[in-house]
């Protein structure tokens, strides 16, 4: 009886173990089949985006062999290897789309277009990769490509318009533009074939070559405006607006926007001439007024007047540097003559002071007047300085007459 009981229990334990193994095998088989269905769906999506999943083929074959041998646990392992290989292929394809977006963004930026929207979508795609949302990453990458492509087409539209306009301007100048027209036609064909890099290169070559004469005109206007600005600063004129035009002309020229660049260059030149003319005439009036004062003081104004005439004559001929040189020289000579005249009057007054001081004249008022004359001389007030110096001398003379 005991022996029979032992065999019975062993039989029960064995039956239970077999049942558990059968359940485990069924569970693993179900799991393997479920994961295989999932893999097939994922591989289908991989094929839809043309991802390279060749590395997943061998693990799939091993899976099928393990399933045939009813080694479901091993089969699951092979399935997961196949899934990882497929995911790697999917990520690689997403990366290729991302690289294409980067290339388009580079072209957009080279044409000074705004690629912000495409860049933001691409960054979000990278974040989805990290989060293992592969399909979400691919969707965002494709969206980024579509946005970048649309933006690039807008940039090309602008560039083609600029190129056509530049060709027409070159043609109006009498240049042979047939070679530029042919190259622009090739650029349009490249755009239709989605050969974006070639299209960008060709259209920029058209702009640079056809716009060579316009570039020369822009540089001439900018150089002229800069020359005026330099001269104007010496005169103390406000050239803020002119400098703004110059910077805009240079920026437009860098962007191959020749018409815009030429417009700003001409504006800089015209506004520069206006600003310098206004300031020049102000200084001419001041110098002429000072010459009148010198004439009234019976000073020799021959040289200052001659220089002033030369300055005005040079200015009419738009020889601004020569005009400024003559005007500054006239102004310096007038100022020097004024200074020497006032100094002479002050010196004469001081000689009287020495004598007056010896005889005990009250010098308070004469000294005050003489100091006022010196202050006016420092301020460039020629007439006032002479007036106060003369009054100082007269005060001393009146006091000396009483002695």
Protein backbone atom coordinates (compact mmCIF):
# COMPACT_ATOMS: atom_id res chain seq x y z
CA UNK A 1 0.00 0.00 0.00
CA UNK A 2 2.65 2.61 0.86
CA UNK A 3 4.63 1.80 -2.33
CA UNK A 4 1.53 2.18 -4.46
CA UNK A 5 0.77 5.49 -2.76
CA UNK A 6 4.29 6.78 -3.59
CA UNK A 7 3.95 5.94 -7.25
CA UNK A 8 0.58 7.64 -7.37
CA UNK A 9 1.94 10.88 -5.93
CA UNK A 10 4.86 10.86 -8.36
CA UNK A 11 2.43 10.35 -11.21
CA UNK A 12 0.36 13.32 -10.01
CA UNK A 13 3.47 15.54 -9.71
CA UNK A 14 4.63 14.53 -13.19
CA UNK A 15 1.20 15.15 -14.64
CA UNK A 16 1.11 18.56 -12.97
CA UNK A 17 4.57 19.43 -14.30
CA UNK A 18 3.58 18.36 -17.79
CA UNK A 19 0.42 20.43 -17.54
CA UNK A 20 2.40 23.49 -16.38
CA UNK A 21 4.88 23.00 -19.19
CA UNK A 22 2.06 22.68 -21.68
CA UNK A 23 0.50 25.90 -20.32
CA UNK A 24 3.87 27.68 -20.46
CA UNK A 25 4.41 26.43 -24.01
CA UNK A 26 0.92 27.58 -25.01
CA UNK A 27 1.55 30.96 -23.36
CA UNK A 28 4.89 31.36 -25.14
CA UNK A 29 3.38 30.24 -28.42
CA UNK A 30 0.56 32.79 -28.08
CA UNK A 31 3.08 35.48 -27.13
CA UNK A 32 5.31 34.54 -30.06
CA UNK A 33 2.41 34.64 -32.49
CA UNK A 34 1.23 37.97 -31.06
CA UNK A 35 4.71 39.49 -31.31
CA UNK A 36 5.10 38.06 -34.80
CA UNK A 37 1.87 39.79 -35.86
CA UNK A 38 3.22 43.02 -34.34
CA UNK A 39 6.52 42.56 -36.20
CA UNK A 40 4.70 41.97 -39.49
CA UNK A 41 2.73 45.19 -39.01
CA UNK A 42 5.91 47.12 -38.19
CA UNK A 43 7.77 45.62 -41.16
CA UNK A 44 4.88 46.67 -43.38
CA UNK A 45 5.33 50.27 -42.18
CA UNK A 46 9.07 49.93 -42.74
CA UNK A 47 8.46 48.86 -46.34
CA UNK A 48 6.04 51.77 -46.81
CA UNK A 49 8.81 54.26 -46.03
CA UNK A 50 11.38 52.17 -47.94
CA UNK A 51 13.47 51.47 -44.83
CA UNK A 52 16.30 48.93 -45.10
CA UNK A 53 15.26 45.98 -42.88
CA UNK A 54 17.54 43.33 -44.41
CA UNK A 55 19.18 42.78 -40.99
CA UNK A 56 15.83 41.49 -39.72
CA UNK A 57 15.66 38.63 -42.26
CA UNK A 58 18.03 36.17 -40.51
CA UNK A 59 16.34 36.51 -37.07
CA UNK A 60 12.99 35.89 -38.80
CA UNK A 61 14.29 32.69 -40.36
CA UNK A 62 15.62 31.58 -36.98
CA UNK A 63 12.20 32.39 -35.49
CA UNK A 64 10.43 30.17 -38.01
CA UNK A 65 12.83 27.29 -37.31
CA UNK A 66 12.33 27.62 -33.55
CA UNK A 67 8.54 27.71 -33.99
CA UNK A 68 8.69 24.56 -36.11
CA UNK A 69 10.70 22.91 -33.33
CA UNK A 70 8.12 24.20 -30.83
CA UNK A 71 10.91 26.06 -29.01
CA UNK A 72 8.71 29.05 -28.39
CA UNK A 73 10.94 30.73 -25.82
CA UNK A 74 13.84 30.77 -28.29
CA UNK A 75 11.47 31.89 -31.04
CA UNK A 76 10.48 34.93 -28.98
CA UNK A 77 14.16 35.83 -28.59
CA UNK A 78 14.68 35.70 -32.37
CA UNK A 79 11.56 37.82 -32.89
CA UNK A 80 12.84 40.53 -30.61
CA UNK A 81 16.18 40.57 -32.42
CA UNK A 82 14.28 40.98 -35.69
CA UNK A 83 12.23 43.81 -34.17
CA UNK A 84 15.37 45.65 -33.00
CA UNK A 85 16.93 45.26 -36.46
CA UNK A 86 13.76 46.62 -38.07
CA UNK A 87 13.66 49.55 -35.62
CA UNK A 88 17.27 50.35 -36.49
CA UNK A 89 16.35 50.42 -40.18
CA UNK A 90 13.35 52.65 -39.45
CA UNK A 91 15.47 55.08 -37.42
CA UNK A 92 18.09 55.17 -40.15
CA UNK A 93 15.43 56.06 -42.72
CA UNK A 94 14.07 58.77 -40.44
CA UNK A 95 17.60 60.09 -40.14
CA UNK A 96 17.94 60.20 -43.92
CA UNK A 97 14.76 62.28 -44.13
CA UNK A 98 16.15 64.52 -41.38
CA UNK A 99 19.40 64.95 -43.32
CA UNK A 100 17.41 65.96 -46.40
CA UNK A 101 15.55 68.53 -44.29
CA UNK A 102 18.87 69.89 -43.04
CA UNK A 103 20.05 70.30 -46.64
CA UNK A 104 16.88 72.20 -47.57
CA UNK A 105 17.21 74.39 -44.48
CA UNK A 106 20.79 75.20 -45.50
CA UNK A 107 19.62 76.24 -48.98
CA UNK A 108 16.81 78.35 -47.51
CA UNK A 109 19.21 80.14 -45.20
CA UNK A 110 21.67 80.73 -48.04
CA UNK A 111 18.85 82.61 -49.79
CA UNK A 112 18.07 84.51 -46.55
CA UNK A 113 14.77 82.65 -46.16
CA UNK A 114 13.08 81.81 -42.86
CA UNK A 115 13.51 78.12 -42.00
CA UNK A 116 12.35 78.38 -38.40
CA UNK A 117 9.16 76.31 -38.83
CA UNK A 118 10.99 73.42 -40.52
CA UNK A 119 13.79 73.53 -37.92
CA UNK A 120 11.31 73.32 -35.05
CA UNK A 121 9.53 70.31 -36.59
CA UNK A 122 12.86 68.57 -37.11
CA UNK A 123 13.83 69.10 -33.46
CA UNK A 124 10.50 67.63 -32.35
CA UNK A 125 11.17 64.62 -34.59
CA UNK A 126 14.49 64.02 -32.82
CA UNK A 127 12.73 64.19 -29.46
CA UNK A 128 10.27 61.49 -30.62
CA UNK A 129 13.20 59.22 -31.53
CA UNK A 130 14.55 59.54 -27.99
CA UNK A 131 11.07 58.73 -26.65
CA UNK A 132 10.99 55.65 -28.98
CA UNK A 133 7.93 56.98 -30.79
CA UNK A 134 9.41 56.03 -34.15
CA UNK A 135 6.34 56.55 -36.27
CA UNK A 136 5.71 59.93 -34.63
CA UNK A 137 9.32 60.84 -35.37
CA UNK A 138 8.98 59.90 -39.04
CA UNK A 139 5.72 61.82 -39.36
CA UNK A 140 7.31 64.97 -37.94
CA UNK A 141 10.40 64.53 -40.13
CA UNK A 142 8.21 64.28 -43.24
CA UNK A 143 6.23 67.32 -42.13
CA UNK A 144 9.50 69.19 -41.66
CA UNK A 145 10.55 68.22 -45.18
CA UNK A 146 7.24 69.39 -46.67
CA UNK A 147 7.45 72.73 -44.85
CA UNK A 148 11.11 73.20 -45.81
CA UNK A 149 10.35 72.35 -49.45
CA UNK A 150 7.50 74.88 -49.60
CA UNK A 151 9.66 77.55 -48.01
CA UNK A 152 12.49 76.77 -50.42
CA UNK A 153 10.15 77.13 -53.40
CA UNK A 154 9.12 80.54 -52.05
CA UNK A 155 12.79 81.51 -51.78
CA UNK A 156 13.41 80.30 -55.33
CA UNK A 157 10.44 82.33 -56.56
CA UNK A 158 12.01 85.46 -55.06
CA UNK A 159 15.44 84.63 -56.46
CA UNK A 160 14.09 83.97 -59.95
CA UNK A 161 12.29 87.33 -59.88
CA UNK A 162 15.50 89.04 -58.79
CA UNK A 163 17.48 87.26 -61.49
CA UNK A 164 14.96 88.16 -64.20
CA UNK A 165 14.94 91.77 -63.06
CA UNK A 166 18.73 91.88 -63.00
CA UNK A 167 18.92 90.41 -66.51
CA UNK A 168 16.49 93.07 -67.76
CA UNK A 169 18.55 95.85 -66.18
CA UNK A 170 21.70 94.43 -67.74
CA UNK A 171 19.91 94.25 -71.09
CA UNK A 172 18.76 97.87 -70.77
CA UNK A 173 22.41 98.81 -70.23
CA UNK A 174 23.24 97.32 -73.63
CA UNK A 175 24.80 94.06 -72.41
CA UNK A 176 24.41 90.68 -74.16
CA UNK A 177 22.28 88.69 -71.72
CA UNK A 178 21.68 85.51 -73.77
CA UNK A 179 24.09 83.44 -71.67
CA UNK A 180 22.31 84.54 -68.49
CA UNK A 181 18.90 83.72 -69.92
CA UNK A 182 20.10 80.22 -70.90
CA UNK A 183 21.51 79.57 -67.45
CA UNK A 184 18.30 80.78 -65.82
CA UNK A 185 16.36 78.31 -68.01
CA UNK A 186 18.64 75.50 -66.81
CA UNK A 187 18.08 76.60 -63.22
CA UNK A 188 14.31 76.35 -63.69
CA UNK A 189 14.71 72.84 -65.17
CA UNK A 190 16.80 71.82 -62.14
CA UNK A 191 14.04 73.11 -59.86
CA UNK A 192 11.44 71.03 -61.68
CA UNK A 193 13.68 67.96 -61.27
CA UNK A 194 14.02 68.78 -57.55
CA UNK A 195 17.77 69.24 -57.96
CA UNK A 196 17.64 72.05 -55.45
CA UNK A 197 21.36 72.52 -54.80
CA UNK A 198 22.11 72.79 -58.55
CA UNK A 199 19.21 75.20 -59.00
CA UNK A 200 20.47 77.43 -56.17
CA UNK A 201 23.99 77.45 -57.57
CA UNK A 202 22.84 78.31 -61.10
CA UNK A 203 20.42 81.09 -60.15
CA UNK A 204 23.05 82.71 -57.92
CA UNK A 205 25.59 82.54 -60.73
CA UNK A 206 23.08 84.36 -62.95
CA UNK A 207 22.56 87.04 -60.31
CA UNK A 208 26.27 87.56 -59.69
CA UNK A 209 27.26 87.58 -63.36
CA UNK A 210 24.35 89.61 -64.75
CA UNK A 211 24.55 92.02 -61.83
CA UNK A 212 28.25 92.82 -62.20
CA UNK A 213 27.60 96.25 -63.76
CA UNK A 214 24.92 97.02 -61.20
CA UNK A 215 27.30 95.98 -58.44
CA UNK A 216 29.83 98.46 -59.81
CA UNK A 217 27.19 101.20 -59.76
CA UNK A 218 26.19 100.35 -56.19
CA UNK A 219 29.80 100.37 -55.01
CA UNK A 220 30.37 103.72 -56.72
CA UNK A 221 27.34 105.26 -54.97
CA UNK A 222 28.32 103.75 -51.62
CA UNK A 223 31.93 104.99 -51.97
CA UNK A 224 30.67 108.45 -52.85
CA UNK A 225 28.28 108.45 -49.89
CA UNK A 226 31.06 107.30 -47.54
CA UNK A 227 33.29 110.08 -48.84
CA UNK A 228 30.51 112.59 -48.15
CA UNK A 229 29.96 111.12 -44.68
CA UNK A 230 33.66 111.47 -43.86
CA UNK A 231 33.70 115.07 -45.06
CA UNK A 232 30.39 115.78 -43.33
CA UNK A 233 31.65 114.59 -39.97
CA UNK A 234 34.52 117.06 -40.23
CA UNK A 235 31.89 119.78 -40.71
CA UNK A 236 29.82 118.50 -37.78
CA UNK A 237 26.86 117.54 -40.02
CA UNK A 238 24.35 114.84 -39.03
CA UNK A 239 24.94 111.81 -41.26
CA UNK A 240 22.95 109.23 -39.25
CA UNK A 241 20.41 108.70 -42.03
CA UNK A 242 23.10 108.55 -44.70
CA UNK A 243 25.01 105.88 -42.78
CA UNK A 244 21.79 103.85 -42.40
CA UNK A 245 21.28 103.97 -46.20
CA UNK A 246 24.89 102.88 -46.73
CA UNK A 247 24.51 99.86 -44.45
CA UNK A 248 21.25 98.84 -46.13
CA UNK A 249 22.85 99.16 -49.56
CA UNK A 250 25.73 96.92 -48.51
CA UNK A 251 23.38 94.37 -46.95
CA UNK A 252 21.17 94.26 -50.07
CA UNK A 253 24.26 93.89 -52.25
CA UNK A 254 25.43 90.92 -50.18
CA UNK A 255 22.00 89.35 -50.72
CA UNK A 256 22.33 90.02 -54.50
CA UNK A 257 19.34 92.40 -54.35
CA UNK A 258 20.90 94.80 -56.82
CA UNK A 259 17.90 97.04 -57.46
CA UNK A 260 17.33 97.54 -53.74
CA UNK A 261 21.05 98.05 -53.14
CA UNK A 262 21.28 100.66 -55.91
CA UNK A 263 18.23 102.47 -54.55
CA UNK A 264 19.75 102.75 -51.07
CA UNK A 265 23.13 103.70 -52.54
CA UNK A 266 21.57 106.57 -54.50
CA UNK A 267 19.56 107.69 -51.47
CA UNK A 268 22.75 107.73 -49.39
CA UNK A 269 24.49 109.80 -52.05
CA UNK A 270 21.64 112.32 -52.45
CA UNK A 271 20.99 112.67 -48.71
CA UNK A 272 24.74 112.99 -48.14
CA UNK A 273 25.00 115.86 -50.61
CA UNK A 274 21.97 117.56 -49.04
CA UNK A 275 23.36 117.24 -45.50
CA UNK A 276 26.82 118.44 -46.43
CA UNK A 277 25.42 121.31 -48.53
CA UNK A 278 23.25 122.53 -45.64
CA UNK A 279 26.14 122.46 -43.19
CA UNK A 280 28.56 123.94 -45.71
CA UNK A 281 26.29 126.93 -46.35
CA UNK A 282 25.95 127.51 -42.59
CA UNK A 283 29.74 127.63 -42.25
CA UNK A 284 30.05 129.89 -45.30
CA UNK A 285 27.63 132.36 -43.71
CA UNK A 286 29.59 132.29 -40.45
CA UNK A 287 32.90 132.83 -42.27
CA UNK A 288 31.45 135.61 -44.43
CA UNK A 289 30.07 137.32 -41.32
CA UNK A 290 33.45 137.13 -39.62
CA UNK A 291 35.13 138.58 -42.69
CA UNK A 292 32.70 141.50 -42.52
CA UNK A 293 33.66 142.03 -38.90
CA UNK A 294 37.33 142.02 -39.85
CA UNK A 295 36.65 144.53 -42.62
CA UNK A 296 34.84 146.74 -40.13
CA UNK A 297 37.89 146.50 -37.85
CA UNK A 298 40.00 147.57 -40.87
CA UNK A 299 41.82 144.23 -41.02
CA UNK A 300 43.20 142.75 -44.26
CA UNK A 301 40.70 140.14 -45.48
CA UNK A 302 42.16 139.52 -48.94
CA UNK A 303 43.38 135.98 -48.31
CA UNK A 304 40.33 134.75 -46.28
CA UNK A 305 37.98 136.19 -48.91
CA UNK A 306 39.94 134.53 -51.72
CA UNK A 307 39.82 131.18 -49.89
CA UNK A 308 36.08 131.55 -49.28
CA UNK A 309 35.51 132.19 -52.99
CA UNK A 310 37.59 129.12 -53.86
CA UNK A 311 35.60 127.00 -51.40
CA UNK A 312 32.26 128.04 -52.91
CA UNK A 313 33.51 127.50 -56.45
CA UNK A 314 34.82 123.98 -55.60
CA UNK A 315 31.56 123.15 -53.84
CA UNK A 316 29.51 124.07 -56.92
CA UNK A 317 31.63 121.60 -58.88
CA UNK A 318 30.95 118.97 -56.15
CA UNK A 319 34.63 118.90 -55.21
CA UNK A 320 33.68 118.60 -51.57
CA UNK A 321 37.09 117.75 -50.11
CA UNK A 322 38.75 120.65 -51.94
CA UNK A 323 35.89 122.95 -50.90
CA UNK A 324 36.16 121.93 -47.25
CA UNK A 325 39.91 122.42 -47.24
CA UNK A 326 39.58 125.95 -48.62
CA UNK A 327 36.73 126.81 -46.25
CA UNK A 328 38.56 125.47 -43.19
CA UNK A 329 41.69 127.41 -44.17
CA UNK A 330 39.64 130.60 -44.61
CA UNK A 331 37.98 130.01 -41.25
CA UNK A 332 41.34 129.42 -39.54
CA UNK A 333 42.85 132.57 -41.02
CA UNK A 334 39.83 134.63 -40.01
CA UNK A 335 39.94 133.21 -36.53
CA UNK A 336 43.68 133.83 -36.25
CA UNK A 337 43.30 137.40 -37.49
CA UNK A 338 40.44 137.99 -35.04
CA UNK A 339 42.48 136.61 -32.20
CA UNK A 340 45.51 138.76 -33.06
CA UNK A 341 43.36 141.90 -33.40
CA UNK A 342 41.71 141.41 -30.03
CA UNK A 343 45.04 140.47 -28.49
CA UNK A 344 46.56 143.69 -29.82
CA UNK A 345 43.77 145.78 -28.28
CA UNK A 346 44.13 143.92 -24.97
CA UNK A 347 47.91 144.42 -25.04
CA UNK A 348 47.46 148.17 -25.62
CA UNK A 349 45.01 148.30 -22.73
CA UNK A 350 47.43 146.46 -20.46
CA UNK A 351 50.19 149.01 -21.28
CA UNK A 352 47.83 151.73 -20.09
CA UNK A 353 47.13 149.67 -16.98
CA UNK A 354 50.80 149.72 -15.97
CA UNK A 355 50.88 153.50 -16.15
CA UNK A 356 47.53 153.90 -14.38
CA UNK A 357 48.58 151.57 -11.61
CA UNK A 358 51.70 153.63 -10.95
CA UNK A 359 49.69 156.83 -10.41
CA UNK A 360 47.16 155.12 -8.18
CA UNK A 361 44.12 154.85 -10.49
CA UNK A 362 41.30 152.57 -9.27
CA UNK A 363 41.62 149.61 -11.66
CA UNK A 364 38.60 147.58 -10.53
CA UNK A 365 36.29 148.40 -13.45
CA UNK A 366 38.97 148.39 -16.20
CA UNK A 367 40.22 144.96 -15.05
CA UNK A 368 36.67 143.62 -14.97
CA UNK A 369 36.10 144.85 -18.54
CA UNK A 370 39.43 143.42 -19.71
CA UNK A 371 38.63 140.00 -18.20
CA UNK A 372 35.25 140.08 -19.94
CA UNK A 373 37.07 140.79 -23.22
CA UNK A 374 39.27 137.74 -22.68
CA UNK A 375 36.20 135.55 -21.94
CA UNK A 376 34.51 136.65 -25.13
CA UNK A 377 37.68 135.98 -27.09
CA UNK A 378 37.73 132.40 -25.77
CA UNK A 379 34.12 132.00 -26.89
CA UNK A 380 34.98 133.30 -30.35
CA UNK A 381 32.93 136.47 -29.90
CA UNK A 382 35.21 138.73 -31.82
CA UNK A 383 33.21 141.99 -31.80
CA UNK A 384 32.28 141.70 -28.12
CA UNK A 385 35.89 141.01 -27.17
CA UNK A 386 37.14 144.12 -29.01
CA UNK A 387 34.31 146.21 -27.54
CA UNK A 388 35.12 145.24 -23.94
CA UNK A 389 38.88 145.67 -24.51
CA UNK A 390 38.29 149.16 -25.98
CA UNK A 391 35.99 150.11 -23.12
CA UNK A 392 38.62 148.91 -20.63
CA UNK A 393 41.25 151.10 -22.33
CA UNK A 394 38.86 154.06 -22.43
CA UNK A 395 38.15 153.74 -18.69
CA UNK A 396 41.87 153.87 -17.99
CA UNK A 397 42.33 156.85 -20.36
CA UNK A 398 39.56 158.81 -18.64
CA UNK A 399 41.05 158.10 -15.23
CA UNK A 400 44.52 159.13 -16.42
CA UNK A 401 43.16 162.44 -17.79
CA UNK A 402 42.10 163.38 -14.25
CA UNK A 403 45.70 163.14 -13.13
